[in-house]
Amino acid sequence: MTGRPPKGRTWGRRGITPTVRVSGRGRGRLSVAGLLCYRPGLPARLCYRLRRHTGRKGERRSLGERDYIRLLDGAHHLLKAPLIVVWDRLSTHISKAMQTLVAERDWLSVVLLPGYAPDLDPVEGMWAHIKRSLANLAARTLGELETLLRRRLKTLQYRHRVLGGFLAGTGLTLGRTDRP
């Protein structure tokens, strides 16, 4: 996420379009990665990792393999269960470094989605939900945006039915395939 807000609709006086000027050029940006965790019979859970990038020379502008593996390690520690991760084909997810990090964890299995399938990824629905809630926001600083985003994600963590709805929106179901 950057300082440039997503566009949304609002009410205004007839003939006068309300506008908010935002430079969108502040130093830094936020990167967020999230996991929606599902287990049959239990409520859905949300785990996320948010990282601030300051824009310094030589600093990575996105999350790297170590950030994603820390997220997975944290989810494993929280859930106290083996993980089967269903990932899109983001270059960081399929890199050699990530394959090495995944191979070091016997409790972790990775399944890749088809080439372009955002409709099968429940996390995409969650990000769309979060971005809609931020529409027309004019955060003055990156810190203000970070605080608001953390607050929205924290609130969403306790809305298990909404989280379950993101899986339902994909049309996929949880179930065992080894049963006749």
Protein backbone atom coordinates (compact mmCIF):
# COMPACT_ATOMS: atom_id res chain seq x y z
CA MET A 1 0.00 0.00 0.00
CA THR A 2 1.17 3.46 -0.77
CA GLY A 3 0.03 6.91 0.28
CA ARG A 4 -2.22 7.14 -2.78
CA PRO A 5 -5.75 6.17 -1.65
CA PRO A 6 -7.99 3.81 -3.62
CA LYS A 7 -10.87 5.57 -5.36
CA GLY A 8 -14.39 5.23 -4.02
CA ARG A 9 -17.78 6.88 -4.34
CA THR A 10 -19.19 9.55 -2.09
CA TRP A 11 -22.11 11.97 -1.89
CA GLY A 12 -21.68 15.60 -2.83
CA ARG A 13 -23.66 18.63 -3.89
CA ARG A 14 -25.13 18.42 -7.36
CA GLY A 15 -22.71 19.78 -9.93
CA ILE A 16 -19.79 20.00 -7.48
CA THR A 17 -17.46 17.01 -7.48
CA PRO A 18 -15.85 16.58 -4.06
CA THR A 19 -12.08 16.14 -4.34
CA VAL A 20 -9.34 15.54 -1.83
CA ARG A 21 -5.79 16.27 -2.90
CA VAL A 22 -3.18 13.75 -1.82
CA SER A 23 0.42 13.94 -2.92
CA GLY A 24 1.04 10.20 -2.70
CA ARG A 25 4.75 10.93 -2.79
CA GLY A 26 5.75 10.43 0.82
CA ARG A 27 8.79 8.38 1.64
CA GLY A 28 8.01 4.79 2.21
CA ARG A 29 5.31 2.23 1.69
CA LEU A 30 3.59 -0.61 3.52
CA SER A 31 3.63 -4.26 2.52
CA VAL A 32 1.13 -6.70 3.98
CA ALA A 33 0.92 -10.47 3.71
CA GLY A 34 -1.95 -12.46 5.12
CA LEU A 35 -3.03 -16.03 5.71
CA LEU A 36 -6.62 -17.14 6.08
CA CYS A 37 -6.52 -20.35 8.07
CA TYR A 38 -9.35 -22.84 7.73
CA ARG A 39 -9.96 -26.10 9.55
CA PRO A 40 -13.22 -28.08 9.29
CA GLY A 41 -15.41 -27.49 12.34
CA LEU A 42 -13.43 -24.49 13.61
CA PRO A 43 -13.82 -20.77 12.89
CA ALA A 44 -11.56 -19.21 10.27
CA ARG A 45 -8.46 -17.40 11.53
CA LEU A 46 -6.45 -14.52 10.10
CA CYS A 47 -2.68 -14.22 10.48
CA TYR A 48 -0.87 -11.30 8.90
CA ARG A 49 2.48 -9.57 8.75
CA LEU A 50 2.83 -5.88 8.03
CA ARG A 51 6.15 -4.30 7.13
CA ARG A 52 7.06 -0.67 6.61
CA HIS A 53 9.57 0.22 3.91
CA THR A 54 11.31 3.54 4.37
CA GLY A 55 12.53 3.99 0.79
CA ARG A 56 16.21 3.94 1.66
CA LYS A 57 18.67 3.18 -1.08
CA GLY A 58 19.18 -0.55 -1.56
CA GLU A 59 16.18 -1.49 0.61
CA ARG A 60 13.74 -3.99 -0.81
CA ARG A 61 10.38 -2.43 -1.75
CA SER A 62 8.31 -5.53 -0.99
CA LEU A 63 8.16 -8.56 1.28
CA GLY A 64 10.87 -11.14 0.73
CA GLU A 65 11.15 -14.86 1.34
CA ARG A 66 12.25 -14.39 4.97
CA ASP A 67 9.17 -12.24 5.67
CA TYR A 68 6.83 -14.88 4.26
CA ILE A 69 8.53 -17.71 6.13
CA ARG A 70 8.30 -15.72 9.40
CA LEU A 71 4.57 -15.38 8.75
CA LEU A 72 4.28 -19.14 8.21
CA ASP A 73 6.38 -19.90 11.31
CA GLY A 74 4.15 -17.58 13.35
CA ALA A 75 0.97 -19.23 12.03
CA HIS A 76 2.38 -22.68 12.83
CA HIS A 77 3.26 -21.54 16.36
CA LEU A 78 -0.22 -20.02 16.83
CA LEU A 79 -2.20 -22.92 15.39
CA LYS A 80 0.01 -25.70 16.75
CA ALA A 81 -0.71 -27.83 13.69
CA PRO A 82 0.88 -28.73 10.35
CA LEU A 83 0.09 -26.25 7.56
CA ILE A 84 -0.97 -26.82 3.99
CA VAL A 85 -0.46 -23.49 2.25
CA VAL A 86 -2.27 -22.73 -1.00
CA TRP A 87 -0.33 -20.01 -2.79
CA ASP A 88 -0.67 -17.99 -5.92
CA ARG A 89 2.34 -17.89 -8.19
CA LEU A 90 3.92 -14.69 -6.90
CA SER A 91 7.60 -14.77 -7.83
CA THR A 92 8.62 -14.71 -4.14
CA HIS A 93 6.41 -17.73 -3.43
CA ILE A 94 8.02 -19.89 -6.11
CA SER A 95 11.65 -18.75 -5.87
CA LYS A 96 14.52 -21.16 -5.19
CA ALA A 97 15.16 -19.49 -1.84
CA MET A 98 11.54 -20.06 -0.80
CA GLN A 99 11.66 -23.68 -1.94
CA THR A 100 14.72 -24.17 0.28
CA LEU A 101 13.04 -22.54 3.28
CA VAL A 102 9.88 -24.64 2.80
CA ALA A 103 11.93 -27.86 2.49
CA GLU A 104 13.49 -27.17 5.92
CA ARG A 105 10.05 -27.37 7.59
CA ASP A 106 8.54 -30.86 7.77
CA TRP A 107 5.21 -29.45 9.03
CA LEU A 108 4.73 -27.31 5.91
CA SER A 109 3.26 -28.33 2.55
CA VAL A 110 2.74 -25.95 -0.36
CA VAL A 111 0.17 -26.27 -3.14
CA LEU A 112 0.19 -23.75 -5.99
CA LEU A 113 -2.91 -22.29 -7.59
CA PRO A 114 -3.21 -22.25 -11.39
CA GLY A 115 -1.41 -19.47 -13.26
CA TYR A 116 -4.03 -16.73 -12.90
CA ALA A 117 -6.83 -17.60 -10.52
CA PRO A 118 -7.63 -14.72 -8.13
CA ASP A 119 -11.20 -16.04 -7.92
CA LEU A 120 -9.86 -19.19 -6.20
CA ASP A 121 -7.81 -17.27 -3.63
CA PRO A 122 -9.83 -16.29 -0.52
CA VAL A 123 -7.10 -13.83 0.51
CA GLU A 124 -7.79 -11.78 -2.64
CA GLY A 125 -11.37 -11.30 -1.41
CA MET A 126 -10.06 -10.21 1.96
CA TRP A 127 -7.72 -7.61 0.41
CA ALA A 128 -10.59 -6.29 -1.72
CA HIS A 129 -12.69 -5.95 1.45
CA ILE A 130 -9.90 -4.09 3.26
CA LYS A 131 -9.23 -1.78 0.30
CA ARG A 132 -12.93 -0.93 -0.03
CA SER A 133 -12.93 0.08 3.65
CA LEU A 134 -10.00 2.42 2.93
CA ALA A 135 -11.60 4.06 -0.12
CA ASN A 136 -11.50 7.86 -0.03
CA LEU A 137 -9.12 7.82 2.93
CA ALA A 138 -6.62 10.64 2.85
CA ALA A 139 -3.97 9.60 5.36
CA ARG A 140 -1.53 12.43 6.03
CA THR A 141 1.38 10.20 6.98
CA LEU A 142 2.50 6.65 6.41
CA GLY A 143 2.27 6.11 10.17
CA GLU A 144 -1.39 7.13 10.15
CA LEU A 145 -2.09 4.68 7.31
CA GLU A 146 -0.20 1.94 9.15
CA THR A 147 -2.18 2.50 12.35
CA LEU A 148 -5.49 2.42 10.51
CA LEU A 149 -4.55 -0.69 8.53
CA ARG A 150 -3.45 -2.53 11.69
CA ARG A 151 -6.73 -1.55 13.35
CA ARG A 152 -8.80 -2.83 10.40
CA LEU A 153 -6.88 -6.12 10.25
CA LYS A 154 -7.17 -6.61 14.03
CA THR A 155 -10.93 -6.02 13.86
CA LEU A 156 -11.23 -8.48 10.98
CA GLN A 157 -9.41 -11.15 13.01
CA TYR A 158 -12.43 -11.38 15.31
CA ARG A 159 -15.05 -11.51 12.56
CA HIS A 160 -14.90 -15.26 11.91
CA ARG A 161 -18.05 -15.34 9.77
CA VAL A 162 -16.68 -12.67 7.45
CA LEU A 163 -13.40 -14.60 7.18
CA GLY A 164 -15.36 -17.78 6.41
CA GLY A 165 -17.25 -15.85 3.74
CA PHE A 166 -14.03 -15.22 1.85
CA LEU A 167 -13.61 -18.98 1.42
CA ALA A 168 -17.30 -19.37 0.50
CA GLY A 169 -16.82 -16.65 -2.14
CA THR A 170 -14.31 -18.85 -3.98
CA GLY A 171 -16.78 -21.72 -4.31
CA LEU A 172 -14.21 -24.10 -2.81
CA THR A 173 -15.03 -26.39 0.10
CA LEU A 174 -13.03 -28.02 2.84
CA GLY A 175 -13.24 -31.75 2.85
CA ARG A 176 -11.30 -34.93 2.66
CA THR A 177 -10.61 -36.29 -0.79
CA ASP A 178 -9.65 -39.76 0.45
CA ARG A 179 -13.26 -40.69 1.30
CA PRO A 180 -15.43 -42.48 -1.30
